[in-house]
C-alpha cells in the first residue's frame, strides 16, 4: 500500500525532536513500537482527524478516550467559548464546579463527596494517599498491566506506554517506594487472597482498572470485581476503582453500573473534562472528609475545577445524561460492527486475532489465544500489529500506535466509518 504524503508532518517531527525528548510530550504519541512516521494533527471534526498535509483519518483513539461525542462537538465548543469570555482561570471557587459535581454524583452513587483535579494521574495519586491515611497502612496492591498514571508507586508493572516501550518500571523510582506496591496478575482472586494472607493488616487498598484498557482491552472475569470487593471488606482495606478510562464510556455510571459493584473510592478523568484537562476522585464521605481543610490529608491544585474544563464537562456529561437511552445502544452497535467486522476479515485471511471488547472500547490482539491478563497480552505478535497499524494508517484509519492500548469510538462514528474501516482491514490483511 502506498504511503500517504506527509512532508509537513515529517518536517514538524524533525523540529519536535530538537525540542522534546523523542519528539513528543507523551510517550504514547510516538510510533517507535509500530514503525512509520506519526502524522501531526492540524484539526479534527466528528470522527475524523486531519493532519498538517491535509490527509484525513478515521479516529479510533479519540484523544485516548474523552471524545465520546466526537471532535469539536458544537455544544462543547460553545460552552468553552462562553466560559473563556469570563477568563480562563480564577484560582477560586465557581458555581460550575458544583454543577458538574452534582451531575457526576447523580450517575455514581458510590461518590458521596468528590474533588476535582487536573488529570487522572493526580486523581489516582490522591486517592491512594487518602486510602493510606484512612487505614494507617503503607502497602498498595495493583495489577500487572493496569496503568494509573505516572506517580512513583504506580509505575510498578504498569501498562500503557510502559508496556509499549518494554520498560519494566521506571528509572528514578526509589526501591523503597517500589517495595510498597504489590503487583499481581489481573483476574486471579486466589493471588489477591494470598497477598492479604502474606501481609496481614499491611495493605491499605486495591486499585484497579475495572476493565483494563492500558494493556489492551481486558474485561474482568465473572465475579472478579465482586470478589475484590469482598476481599477488601474482609481485610479492612479500601477498594479504589480507577474509571479514568471507563467512566461515562461503558455506561452512564461507568463500570460500577455495568458490573453492579460498589467502591470506597473512584477516580475519573477523560470524559468529565470534555477533552480539556480534568480529573476527579471521590467516594464515601467518611474517607473524603479526611481531606484538608476538614482533615489531615493535604491535596491541592491551582487549576483544579478550572472553569473551561468545568464548562466542557458540563456540556459533555449533561448531553450524555440527557440522551443516554439512545447513545449507549448506538455506541454498542457501532463498536460491535467494526470490532467484529475487522476480526472476521482477519479470520478470512488466516491471521490470528483475538478480539476483546466491552462496549465502545476494544482491542484486536494479534494472538490466537484468549487474553485475560497482561501476560496473555504480552504474547501478541507486536511486529504483525505494527504492519497492520501502518497499513491502516495509509488507508486513512488511525489506530492507537500500540498493541497494548484500547481503541475507542464515539457517537460521530457510523455505518460509513465502519464500512471504510472493514474495507481498509481487508486490504491490509490481504
Protein backbone atom coordinates (compact mmCIF):
# COMPACT_ATOMS: atom_id res chain seq x y z
CA UNK A 1 0.00 0.00 0.00
CA UNK A 2 1.43 3.37 -0.97
CA UNK A 3 2.49 5.87 1.67
CA UNK A 4 0.40 8.99 2.16
CA UNK A 5 2.25 12.24 1.57
CA UNK A 6 3.33 13.61 4.95
CA UNK A 7 6.02 16.14 4.13
CA UNK A 8 4.70 18.73 6.58
CA UNK A 9 4.34 16.16 9.35
CA UNK A 10 7.88 14.94 8.67
CA UNK A 11 9.23 18.48 8.99
CA UNK A 12 7.27 19.09 12.18
CA UNK A 13 8.57 15.84 13.66
CA UNK A 14 12.15 16.82 12.86
CA UNK A 15 11.61 20.15 14.61
CA UNK A 16 9.96 18.43 17.60
CA UNK A 17 12.91 16.09 18.05
CA UNK A 18 15.09 19.14 18.67
CA UNK A 19 12.68 20.41 21.31
CA UNK A 20 11.18 17.43 23.17
CA UNK A 21 12.62 14.09 24.32
CA UNK A 22 11.81 11.68 21.49
CA UNK A 23 9.97 14.50 19.76
CA UNK A 24 6.84 14.03 21.89
CA UNK A 25 5.27 15.36 25.07
CA UNK A 26 3.80 11.95 25.96
CA UNK A 27 5.46 8.63 25.05
CA UNK A 28 2.21 7.09 23.74
CA UNK A 29 2.28 9.58 20.85
CA UNK A 30 5.46 8.07 19.48
CA UNK A 31 5.38 5.46 16.72
CA UNK A 32 8.51 3.61 17.78
CA UNK A 33 6.65 0.37 18.54
CA UNK A 34 4.71 0.30 15.26
CA UNK A 35 7.12 1.96 12.87
CA UNK A 36 6.35 4.63 10.36
CA UNK A 37 6.04 8.35 10.89
CA UNK A 38 3.47 9.96 13.19
CA UNK A 39 1.20 12.45 11.43
CA UNK A 40 0.90 15.87 13.08
CA UNK A 41 -2.74 16.78 13.68
CA UNK A 42 -3.91 20.14 12.41
CA UNK A 43 -7.60 19.86 13.28
CA UNK A 44 -10.37 17.36 13.97
CA UNK A 45 -14.10 17.16 13.39
CA UNK A 46 -16.57 14.45 14.32
CA UNK A 47 -14.99 11.04 13.74
CA UNK A 48 -12.03 12.40 11.77
CA UNK A 49 -8.52 13.76 12.29
CA UNK A 50 -6.82 15.93 9.65
CA UNK A 51 -3.04 16.15 9.55
CA UNK A 52 -0.73 19.01 8.57
CA UNK A 53 -0.60 17.69 5.00
CA UNK A 54 -4.38 17.61 4.61
CA UNK A 55 -4.77 13.83 4.96
CA UNK A 56 -7.96 12.65 6.65
CA UNK A 57 -8.14 9.72 9.10
CA UNK A 58 -10.95 7.91 10.88
CA UNK A 59 -10.03 8.32 14.54
CA UNK A 60 -10.12 5.26 16.79
CA UNK A 61 -8.40 6.64 19.85
CA UNK A 62 -10.39 9.83 20.40
CA UNK A 63 -7.71 11.69 22.37
CA UNK A 64 -7.33 8.41 24.32
CA UNK A 65 -10.98 8.28 25.33
CA UNK A 66 -12.65 11.62 26.04
CA UNK A 67 -14.08 12.37 22.60
CA UNK A 68 -17.14 10.21 23.09
CA UNK A 69 -19.33 12.81 21.33
CA UNK A 70 -16.84 13.37 18.52
CA UNK A 71 -14.31 16.13 17.94
CA UNK A 72 -15.40 19.75 18.08
CA UNK A 73 -18.89 18.76 19.24
CA UNK A 74 -20.76 22.08 18.85
CA UNK A 75 -22.36 22.27 22.35
CA UNK A 76 -18.95 21.64 23.94
CA UNK A 77 -17.20 24.21 21.74
CA UNK A 78 -19.88 26.79 22.52
CA UNK A 79 -19.65 26.10 26.26
CA UNK A 80 -15.88 26.58 26.23
CA UNK A 81 -16.19 29.81 24.24
CA UNK A 82 -18.76 31.22 26.67
CA UNK A 83 -16.61 30.34 29.68
CA UNK A 84 -13.43 31.73 28.12
CA UNK A 85 -15.03 35.17 27.77
CA UNK A 86 -15.09 35.35 31.58
CA UNK A 87 -11.39 34.30 31.95
CA UNK A 88 -9.56 31.01 31.61
CA UNK A 89 -8.78 30.63 35.32
CA UNK A 90 -9.66 32.17 38.67
CA UNK A 91 -7.96 30.08 41.35
CA UNK A 92 -11.18 30.49 43.31
CA UNK A 93 -14.45 28.57 43.60
CA UNK A 94 -17.15 28.80 40.94
CA UNK A 95 -20.73 27.58 40.69
CA UNK A 96 -19.79 25.43 37.69
CA UNK A 97 -17.74 23.14 39.97
CA UNK A 98 -20.83 22.31 41.99
CA UNK A 99 -22.96 21.95 38.86
CA UNK A 100 -20.63 19.34 37.36
CA UNK A 101 -20.16 17.57 40.69
CA UNK A 102 -23.93 17.19 41.05
CA UNK A 103 -24.11 15.65 37.56
CA UNK A 104 -21.28 13.23 38.30
CA UNK A 105 -22.66 12.20 41.68
CA UNK A 106 -26.12 11.61 40.20
CA UNK A 107 -24.53 8.99 37.93
CA UNK A 108 -22.22 7.49 40.58
CA UNK A 109 -23.99 6.56 43.83
CA UNK A 110 -20.64 5.42 45.27
CA UNK A 111 -19.46 9.05 45.22
CA UNK A 112 -20.81 10.87 48.28
CA UNK A 113 -18.15 13.58 48.20
CA UNK A 114 -15.63 14.39 45.47
CA UNK A 115 -12.84 16.71 44.47
CA UNK A 116 -11.72 17.89 41.05
CA UNK A 117 -8.09 17.75 39.94
CA UNK A 118 -6.37 18.39 36.62
CA UNK A 119 -5.52 14.85 35.48
CA UNK A 120 -6.16 11.18 36.03
CA UNK A 121 -2.65 10.84 37.45
CA UNK A 122 -3.49 13.38 40.16
CA UNK A 123 -6.76 11.61 40.89
CA UNK A 124 -5.22 8.18 41.48
CA UNK A 125 -2.25 9.56 43.40
CA UNK A 126 -4.59 11.46 45.72
CA UNK A 127 -6.95 8.53 46.19
CA UNK A 128 -4.08 6.30 47.29
CA UNK A 129 -2.83 8.91 49.75
CA UNK A 130 -6.33 9.06 51.16
CA UNK A 131 -6.53 5.26 51.46
CA UNK A 132 -3.24 5.14 53.35
CA UNK A 133 -4.44 7.82 55.73
CA UNK A 134 -7.79 6.10 56.30
CA UNK A 135 -6.22 2.72 57.07
CA UNK A 136 -2.90 3.68 58.60
CA UNK A 137 -1.24 1.16 56.25
CA UNK A 138 1.54 1.57 53.67
CA UNK A 139 1.22 -1.19 51.06
CA UNK A 140 -0.93 -0.86 47.96
CA UNK A 141 -2.00 -3.65 45.63
CA UNK A 142 -2.32 -3.12 41.88
CA UNK A 143 -2.47 -5.40 38.86
CA UNK A 144 0.06 -6.10 36.13
CA UNK A 145 -0.68 -4.09 33.01
CA UNK A 146 -3.00 -1.63 34.75
CA UNK A 147 -1.84 1.96 34.33
CA UNK A 148 -2.89 4.51 36.92
CA UNK A 149 -0.75 7.46 35.95
CA UNK A 150 2.96 8.10 36.32
CA UNK A 151 3.32 8.78 40.05
CA UNK A 152 6.20 6.83 41.56
CA UNK A 153 4.42 3.99 43.32
CA UNK A 154 2.14 3.22 40.38
CA UNK A 155 4.79 2.59 37.72
CA UNK A 156 5.44 -0.92 39.01
CA UNK A 157 4.45 -3.30 36.18
CA UNK A 158 2.29 -0.60 34.64
CA UNK A 159 0.60 -0.78 31.27
CA UNK A 160 0.16 1.89 28.58
CA UNK A 161 3.38 3.45 27.33
CA UNK A 162 5.43 1.50 29.87
CA UNK A 163 4.23 -1.77 28.33
CA UNK A 164 4.51 -0.44 24.78
CA UNK A 165 8.15 0.53 25.24
CA UNK A 166 9.02 -2.69 27.08
CA UNK A 167 10.07 -0.85 30.24
CA UNK A 168 9.65 -2.97 33.43
CA UNK A 169 9.08 0.10 35.58
CA UNK A 170 10.79 3.48 35.51
CA UNK A 171 14.20 4.79 36.38
CA UNK A 172 14.06 7.40 39.09
CA UNK A 173 11.63 5.46 41.29
CA UNK A 174 13.43 4.59 44.56
CA UNK A 175 13.36 0.92 45.56
CA UNK A 176 11.91 1.96 48.91
CA UNK A 177 8.83 3.31 47.14
CA UNK A 178 8.55 0.46 44.65
CA UNK A 179 8.57 -2.08 47.50
CA UNK A 180 5.35 -0.56 48.83
CA UNK A 181 3.48 -1.70 45.71
CA UNK A 182 2.39 -5.29 45.23
CA UNK A 183 1.68 -6.14 41.57
CA UNK A 184 -0.41 -9.24 40.87
CA UNK A 185 -1.92 -10.89 37.79
CA UNK A 186 -5.31 -9.50 36.78
CA UNK A 187 -8.34 -11.82 37.04
CA UNK A 188 -6.73 -14.01 39.75
CA UNK A 189 -8.62 -13.78 43.04
CA UNK A 190 -6.53 -16.52 44.66
CA UNK A 191 -3.39 -14.41 44.21
CA UNK A 192 -5.12 -11.49 45.93
CA UNK A 193 -6.19 -13.63 48.88
CA UNK A 194 -2.63 -14.95 49.17
CA UNK A 195 -1.23 -11.41 49.23
CA UNK A 196 -3.52 -10.38 52.09
CA UNK A 197 -2.58 -13.52 53.98
CA UNK A 198 1.12 -12.80 53.49
CA UNK A 199 0.74 -9.15 54.56
CA UNK A 200 -1.87 -9.10 57.35
CA UNK A 201 -3.14 -5.60 58.16
CA UNK A 202 -0.49 -4.03 55.91
CA UNK A 203 -2.38 -3.43 52.65
CA UNK A 204 -4.15 -0.09 52.51
CA UNK A 205 -6.02 -0.58 49.25
CA UNK A 206 -6.51 -2.35 45.97
CA UNK A 207 -6.52 -0.10 42.92
CA UNK A 208 -7.56 -1.42 39.53
CA UNK A 209 -8.95 -0.62 36.14
CA UNK A 210 -12.32 -2.45 36.20
CA UNK A 211 -11.83 -3.13 32.50
CA UNK A 212 -8.13 -2.98 31.70
CA UNK A 213 -7.52 -0.53 28.89
CA UNK A 214 -3.83 0.12 29.20
CA UNK A 215 -2.62 -3.37 28.31
CA UNK A 216 -5.21 -3.55 25.59
CA UNK A 217 -8.84 -4.18 26.50
CA UNK A 218 -9.12 -6.96 29.09
CA UNK A 219 -12.53 -7.47 30.74
CA UNK A 220 -12.97 -8.78 34.28
CA UNK A 221 -13.89 -12.44 34.70
CA UNK A 222 -17.36 -13.19 36.04
CA UNK A 223 -17.45 -12.36 39.74
CA UNK A 224 -13.93 -10.91 39.79
CA UNK A 225 -14.85 -7.35 40.75
CA UNK A 226 -17.34 -8.57 43.34
CA UNK A 227 -14.64 -10.86 44.73
CA UNK A 228 -12.25 -7.96 45.15
CA UNK A 229 -14.97 -6.01 46.94
CA UNK A 230 -15.45 -8.91 49.37
CA UNK A 231 -11.73 -9.38 49.99
CA UNK A 232 -11.10 -5.72 50.76
CA UNK A 233 -14.11 -5.56 53.08
CA UNK A 234 -12.96 -8.66 54.94
CA UNK A 235 -9.44 -7.31 55.42
CA UNK A 236 -10.20 -3.68 56.22
CA UNK A 237 -8.66 -2.33 53.01
CA UNK A 238 -10.20 0.15 50.57
CA UNK A 239 -11.23 -0.66 47.01
CA UNK A 240 -10.26 2.08 44.54
CA UNK A 241 -11.86 1.66 41.12
CA UNK A 242 -9.98 3.65 38.51
CA UNK A 243 -12.61 4.76 35.98
CA UNK A 244 -10.47 7.39 34.28
CA UNK A 245 -10.93 5.44 31.07
CA UNK A 246 -14.21 3.58 31.62
CA UNK A 247 -16.15 6.33 33.39
CA UNK A 248 -19.16 7.51 31.36
CA UNK A 249 -17.95 5.36 28.46
CA UNK A 250 -19.16 1.87 29.33
CA UNK A 251 -22.38 3.23 30.83
CA UNK A 252 -23.59 6.50 32.31
CA UNK A 253 -22.37 5.18 35.66
CA UNK A 254 -19.30 3.55 34.16
CA UNK A 255 -18.08 0.09 35.08
CA UNK A 256 -19.62 0.32 38.56
CA UNK A 257 -23.04 0.47 36.93
CA UNK A 258 -22.23 -2.04 34.20
CA UNK A 259 -20.97 -4.70 36.61
CA UNK A 260 -23.08 -3.80 39.64
CA UNK A 261 -20.21 -3.27 42.04
CA UNK A 262 -19.53 -0.73 44.80
CA UNK A 263 -16.26 1.04 45.63
CA UNK A 264 -14.81 3.01 48.51
CA UNK A 265 -13.10 5.47 46.18
CA UNK A 266 -13.49 6.15 42.46
CA UNK A 267 -11.17 8.05 40.12
CA UNK A 268 -12.43 9.77 36.99
CA UNK A 269 -10.98 11.71 34.07
CA UNK A 270 -11.09 11.88 30.28
CA UNK A 271 -14.79 12.35 29.53
CA UNK A 272 -15.62 14.53 32.57
CA UNK A 273 -13.45 17.28 31.10
CA UNK A 274 -14.97 17.04 27.63
CA UNK A 275 -11.47 16.92 26.13
CA UNK A 276 -9.90 19.50 28.45
CA UNK A 277 -7.50 18.59 31.29
CA UNK A 278 -9.66 17.40 34.15
CA UNK A 279 -9.87 14.56 36.63
CA UNK A 280 -11.66 13.81 39.86
CA UNK A 281 -11.65 11.44 42.79
CA UNK A 282 -14.47 10.76 45.17
CA UNK A 283 -16.16 8.18 47.29
CA UNK A 284 -17.56 7.51 50.71
CA UNK A 285 -18.00 10.60 52.84
CA UNK A 286 -16.08 9.14 55.80
CA UNK A 287 -12.94 8.89 53.66
CA UNK A 288 -13.29 12.06 51.62
CA UNK A 289 -13.71 14.21 54.71
CA UNK A 290 -10.18 13.28 55.74
CA UNK A 291 -9.05 15.80 53.10
CA UNK A 292 -7.89 19.28 54.08
CA UNK A 293 -9.34 21.67 55.08
CA UNK A 294 -11.57 19.26 57.05
CA UNK A 295 -8.94 16.64 57.79
CA UNK A 296 -5.20 15.95 57.86
CA UNK A 297 -4.71 14.72 54.26
CA UNK A 298 -3.33 17.50 52.10
CA UNK A 299 -4.12 17.78 48.41
CA UNK A 300 -4.29 20.95 46.34
CA UNK A 301 -4.17 22.33 42.81
CA UNK A 302 -4.43 25.86 41.45
CA UNK A 303 -6.17 24.67 38.28
CA UNK A 304 -8.48 22.15 39.97
CA UNK A 305 -12.03 22.88 38.85
CA UNK A 306 -10.75 25.07 36.01
CA UNK A 307 -13.72 26.99 34.57
CA UNK A 308 -13.06 25.96 30.96
CA UNK A 309 -12.82 22.28 31.92
CA UNK A 310 -15.96 22.57 34.03
CA UNK A 311 -17.84 24.11 31.10
CA UNK A 312 -16.70 21.38 28.71
CA UNK A 313 -17.51 18.69 31.26
CA UNK A 314 -20.96 20.08 31.94
CA UNK A 315 -21.76 20.14 28.22
CA UNK A 316 -20.44 16.60 27.69
CA UNK A 317 -21.81 14.82 30.75
CA UNK A 318 -25.04 16.77 30.55
CA UNK A 319 -25.56 15.67 26.95
CA UNK A 320 -24.72 12.05 27.80
CA UNK A 321 -27.18 12.02 30.69
CA UNK A 322 -29.97 13.64 28.69
CA UNK A 323 -29.54 11.22 25.78
CA UNK A 324 -28.24 8.08 27.48
CA UNK A 325 -31.03 5.79 26.29
CA UNK A 326 -30.07 6.47 22.68
CA UNK A 327 -26.30 6.99 22.97
CA UNK A 328 -25.16 3.83 24.73
CA UNK A 329 -27.06 1.37 22.49
CA UNK A 330 -25.67 3.25 19.48
CA UNK A 331 -22.10 3.02 20.79
CA UNK A 332 -22.59 -0.69 21.46
CA UNK A 333 -23.94 -1.40 17.97
CA UNK A 334 -21.30 0.57 16.06
CA UNK A 335 -18.43 -0.78 18.17
CA UNK A 336 -19.65 -4.34 17.73
CA UNK A 337 -19.93 -3.89 13.98
CA UNK A 338 -16.43 -2.50 13.45
CA UNK A 339 -14.63 -4.68 16.00
CA UNK A 340 -16.21 -7.93 14.84
CA UNK A 341 -16.06 -6.91 11.20
CA UNK A 342 -12.29 -6.43 11.27
CA UNK A 343 -11.81 -9.63 13.29
CA UNK A 344 -13.82 -11.51 10.65
CA UNK A 345 -11.57 -10.16 7.89
CA UNK A 346 -8.52 -11.37 9.83
CA UNK A 347 -10.04 -14.84 10.14
CA UNK A 348 -10.76 -14.98 6.38
CA UNK A 349 -7.14 -14.09 5.68
CA UNK A 350 -5.81 -16.67 8.14
CA UNK A 351 -4.41 -14.03 10.50
CA UNK A 352 -4.62 -14.95 14.20
CA UNK A 353 -6.52 -12.24 16.06
CA UNK A 354 -8.28 -12.39 19.43
CA UNK A 355 -10.93 -9.70 19.94
CA UNK A 356 -11.66 -8.36 23.42
CA UNK A 357 -14.44 -5.76 23.61
CA UNK A 358 -16.54 -4.12 26.31
CA UNK A 359 -18.93 -1.55 24.89
CA UNK A 360 -17.08 1.12 22.91
CA UNK A 361 -13.56 0.02 23.90
CA UNK A 362 -11.81 -2.94 22.35
CA UNK A 363 -8.51 -4.43 21.18
CA UNK A 364 -7.52 -6.75 18.36
CA UNK A 365 -4.73 -8.81 19.94
CA UNK A 366 -2.53 -10.46 17.33
CA UNK A 367 -2.50 -13.83 19.08
CA UNK A 368 -4.65 -16.96 18.63
CA UNK A 369 -5.11 -17.40 22.37
CA UNK A 370 -7.55 -15.83 24.88
CA UNK A 371 -6.29 -12.70 26.63
CA UNK A 372 -7.32 -12.49 30.28
CA UNK A 373 -4.30 -10.74 31.82
CA UNK A 374 -1.16 -8.86 30.90
CA UNK A 375 0.98 -11.98 30.40
CA UNK A 376 -1.53 -13.20 27.80
CA UNK A 377 -1.49 -9.80 26.07
CA UNK A 378 2.31 -9.73 26.03
CA UNK A 379 2.34 -12.88 23.87
CA UNK A 380 0.79 -10.93 20.98
CA UNK A 381 2.80 -10.58 17.78
CA UNK A 382 3.67 -6.89 18.01
CA UNK A 383 5.56 -6.94 14.70
CA UNK A 384 2.44 -8.05 12.85
CA UNK A 385 0.39 -5.44 14.72
CA UNK A 386 2.91 -2.82 13.61
CA UNK A 387 2.49 -3.79 9.95
CA UNK A 388 -1.29 -3.74 10.37
CA UNK A 389 -1.14 -0.32 12.01
CA UNK A 390 0.94 1.14 9.16
CA UNK A 391 -1.35 -0.31 6.50
CA UNK A 392 -4.45 1.04 8.23
CA UNK A 393 -2.91 4.48 8.68
CA UNK A 394 -2.04 4.64 4.98
CA UNK A 395 -5.65 3.71 4.24
CA UNK A 396 -6.87 6.62 6.37
CA UNK A 397 -7.64 4.75 9.61
CA UNK A 398 -5.71 5.91 12.69
CA UNK A 399 -5.45 3.27 15.43
CA UNK A 400 -3.60 3.68 18.74
CA UNK A 401 0.11 3.14 17.94
CA UNK A 402 0.48 0.22 20.34
CA UNK A 403 -0.77 -3.34 20.67
CA UNK A 404 -1.25 -2.55 24.36
CA UNK A 405 -3.84 0.22 24.12
CA UNK A 406 -7.61 0.04 23.81
CA UNK A 407 -9.44 1.55 20.87
CA UNK A 408 -12.36 3.92 21.25
CA UNK A 409 -15.06 5.42 19.10
CA UNK A 410 -17.81 7.93 19.66
CA UNK A 411 -21.27 8.94 18.56
CA UNK A 412 -19.87 10.57 15.40
CA UNK A 413 -18.84 7.17 14.03
CA UNK A 414 -21.48 5.47 11.91
CA UNK A 415 -22.03 2.99 9.08
CA UNK A 416 -19.79 4.86 6.62
CA UNK A 417 -16.84 4.76 9.00
CA UNK A 418 -17.48 1.10 9.84
CA UNK A 419 -17.59 0.15 6.16
CA UNK A 420 -14.42 2.09 5.34
CA UNK A 421 -12.57 0.57 8.29
CA UNK A 422 -13.51 -3.00 7.39
CA UNK A 423 -12.51 -2.38 3.77
CA UNK A 424 -9.14 -1.00 4.89
CA UNK A 425 -8.60 -4.04 7.12
CA UNK A 426 -9.50 -6.40 4.29
CA UNK A 427 -6.83 -4.80 2.11
CA UNK A 428 -4.31 -4.78 4.96
CA UNK A 429 -4.75 -8.48 5.72
CA UNK A 430 -4.51 -9.30 2.00
